[in-house]
Amino acid sequence: RPPRRARSRMRRRGVWERVDAVLGPEYAASWLRDVMLPSLGDTVEGCFDRGEDTVVVWRAVCDVVDVPSMLR
């Protein structure tokens, strides 16, 4: 079993890849860095920096962005 930190990175990458798929690679990087998630009071990157659970962050992203059901 990978160390907790490695598992966390893999999950974060999954969020980044899904946002990439929804918004496109040109916009996704800045969106993850700059757009505030109202329910969490921070950006995706900020939430990850403070240790927020990835599932909680992904649900907050889905509240803000029209994410196709296959990616939810």
C-alpha atoms as a PDB file:
ATOM      1  CA  ARG A   1       0.000   0.000   0.000  1.00  0.00           C
ATOM      2  CA  PRO A   2       1.502   3.385  -0.973  1.00  0.00           C
ATOM      3  CA  PRO A   3       2.190   5.927   1.763  1.00  0.00           C
ATOM      4  CA  ARG A   4      -0.697   8.289   2.526  1.00  0.00           C
ATOM      5  CA  ARG A   5       1.031  11.211   0.792  1.00  0.00           C
ATOM      6  CA  ALA A   6       1.424   9.260  -2.486  1.00  0.00           C
ATOM      7  CA  ARG A   7      -2.236   8.184  -2.436  1.00  0.00           C
ATOM      8  CA  SER A   8      -3.258  11.801  -1.865  1.00  0.00           C
ATOM      9  CA  ARG A   9      -1.253  12.964  -4.900  1.00  0.00           C
ATOM     10  CA  MET A  10      -2.889  10.332  -7.073  1.00  0.00           C
ATOM     11  CA  ARG A  11      -6.328  11.525  -6.051  1.00  0.00           C
ATOM     12  CA  ARG A  12      -5.421  15.143  -6.643  1.00  0.00           C
ATOM     13  CA  ARG A  13      -4.219  14.239 -10.091  1.00  0.00           C
ATOM     14  CA  GLY A  14      -7.611  12.650 -10.715  1.00  0.00           C
ATOM     15  CA  VAL A  15      -9.354  15.914  -9.815  1.00  0.00           C
ATOM     16  CA  TRP A  16      -6.987  17.855 -12.077  1.00  0.00           C
ATOM     17  CA  GLU A  17      -7.574  15.421 -14.951  1.00  0.00           C
ATOM     18  CA  ARG A  18     -11.352  15.660 -14.578  1.00  0.00           C
ATOM     19  CA  VAL A  19     -11.314  19.452 -14.481  1.00  0.00           C
ATOM     20  CA  ASP A  20      -9.063  19.326 -17.544  1.00  0.00           C
ATOM     21  CA  ALA A  21     -11.621  17.129 -19.313  1.00  0.00           C
ATOM     22  CA  VAL A  22     -14.513  19.435 -18.409  1.00  0.00           C
ATOM     23  CA  LEU A  23     -12.912  22.853 -18.969  1.00  0.00           C
ATOM     24  CA  GLY A  24     -10.116  22.065 -21.390  1.00  0.00           C
ATOM     25  CA  PRO A  25      -6.399  22.108 -20.639  1.00  0.00           C
ATOM     26  CA  GLU A  26      -5.959  25.779 -21.573  1.00  0.00           C
ATOM     27  CA  TYR A  27      -8.387  26.968 -18.893  1.00  0.00           C
ATOM     28  CA  ALA A  28      -8.208  24.230 -16.253  1.00  0.00           C
ATOM     29  CA  ALA A  29      -4.856  25.172 -14.701  1.00  0.00           C
ATOM     30  CA  SER A  30      -5.881  28.764 -14.035  1.00  0.00           C
ATOM     31  CA  TRP A  31      -9.359  27.685 -12.900  1.00  0.00           C
ATOM     32  CA  LEU A  32      -7.903  25.335 -10.284  1.00  0.00           C
ATOM     33  CA  ARG A  33      -5.665  28.137  -9.034  1.00  0.00           C
ATOM     34  CA  ASP A  34      -7.985  31.153  -9.279  1.00  0.00           C
ATOM     35  CA  VAL A  35     -11.674  30.219  -8.912  1.00  0.00           C
ATOM     36  CA  MET A  36     -13.113  30.296  -5.400  1.00  0.00           C
ATOM     37  CA  LEU A  37     -15.248  27.337  -4.329  1.00  0.00           C
ATOM     38  CA  PRO A  38     -17.993  29.053  -2.297  1.00  0.00           C
ATOM     39  CA  SER A  39     -18.798  26.061  -0.101  1.00  0.00           C
ATOM     40  CA  LEU A  40     -15.146  25.705   0.948  1.00  0.00           C
ATOM     41  CA  GLY A  41     -14.043  29.342   0.886  1.00  0.00           C
ATOM     42  CA  ASP A  42     -10.925  28.671  -1.137  1.00  0.00           C
ATOM     43  CA  THR A  43      -9.629  27.582  -4.537  1.00  0.00           C
ATOM     44  CA  VAL A  44      -9.000  23.927  -5.401  1.00  0.00           C
ATOM     45  CA  GLU A  45      -5.260  24.397  -4.937  1.00  0.00           C
ATOM     46  CA  GLY A  46      -5.808  26.253  -1.680  1.00  0.00           C
ATOM     47  CA  CYS A  47      -8.033  23.470  -0.379  1.00  0.00           C
ATOM     48  CA  PHE A  48      -5.424  20.866  -1.244  1.00  0.00           C
ATOM     49  CA  ASP A  49      -2.684  22.967   0.370  1.00  0.00           C
ATOM     50  CA  ARG A  50      -4.596  23.032   3.642  1.00  0.00           C
ATOM     51  CA  GLY A  51      -5.276  19.287   3.481  1.00  0.00           C
ATOM     52  CA  GLU A  52      -8.945  19.208   2.520  1.00  0.00           C
ATOM     53  CA  ASP A  53     -10.245  15.771   1.528  1.00  0.00           C
ATOM     54  CA  THR A  54     -10.185  15.276  -2.242  1.00  0.00           C
ATOM     55  CA  VAL A  55     -13.744  13.966  -2.393  1.00  0.00           C
ATOM     56  CA  VAL A  56     -15.008  17.068  -0.601  1.00  0.00           C
ATOM     57  CA  VAL A  57     -13.092  19.284  -3.042  1.00  0.00           C
ATOM     58  CA  TRP A  58     -14.396  17.376  -6.069  1.00  0.00           C
ATOM     59  CA  ARG A  59     -18.002  17.706  -4.859  1.00  0.00           C
ATOM     60  CA  ALA A  60     -17.476  21.436  -4.433  1.00  0.00           C
ATOM     61  CA  VAL A  61     -16.122  21.630  -7.997  1.00  0.00           C
ATOM     62  CA  CYS A  62     -19.229  19.780  -9.231  1.00  0.00           C
ATOM     63  CA  ASP A  63     -21.405  22.367  -7.451  1.00  0.00           C
ATOM     64  CA  VAL A  64     -19.710  25.169  -9.393  1.00  0.00           C
ATOM     65  CA  VAL A  65     -19.149  23.554 -12.795  1.00  0.00           C
ATOM     66  CA  ASP A  66     -21.555  21.594 -14.965  1.00  0.00           C
ATOM     67  CA  VAL A  67     -19.718  18.266 -14.719  1.00  0.00           C
ATOM     68  CA  PRO A  68     -21.030  15.417 -16.887  1.00  0.00           C
ATOM     69  CA  SER A  69     -22.477  12.570 -14.808  1.00  0.00           C
ATOM     70  CA  MET A  70     -19.845  10.123 -16.083  1.00  0.00           C
ATOM     71  CA  LEU A  71     -17.125  12.239 -14.392  1.00  0.00           C
ATOM     72  CA  ARG A  72     -18.963  12.793 -11.095  1.00  0.00           C
END
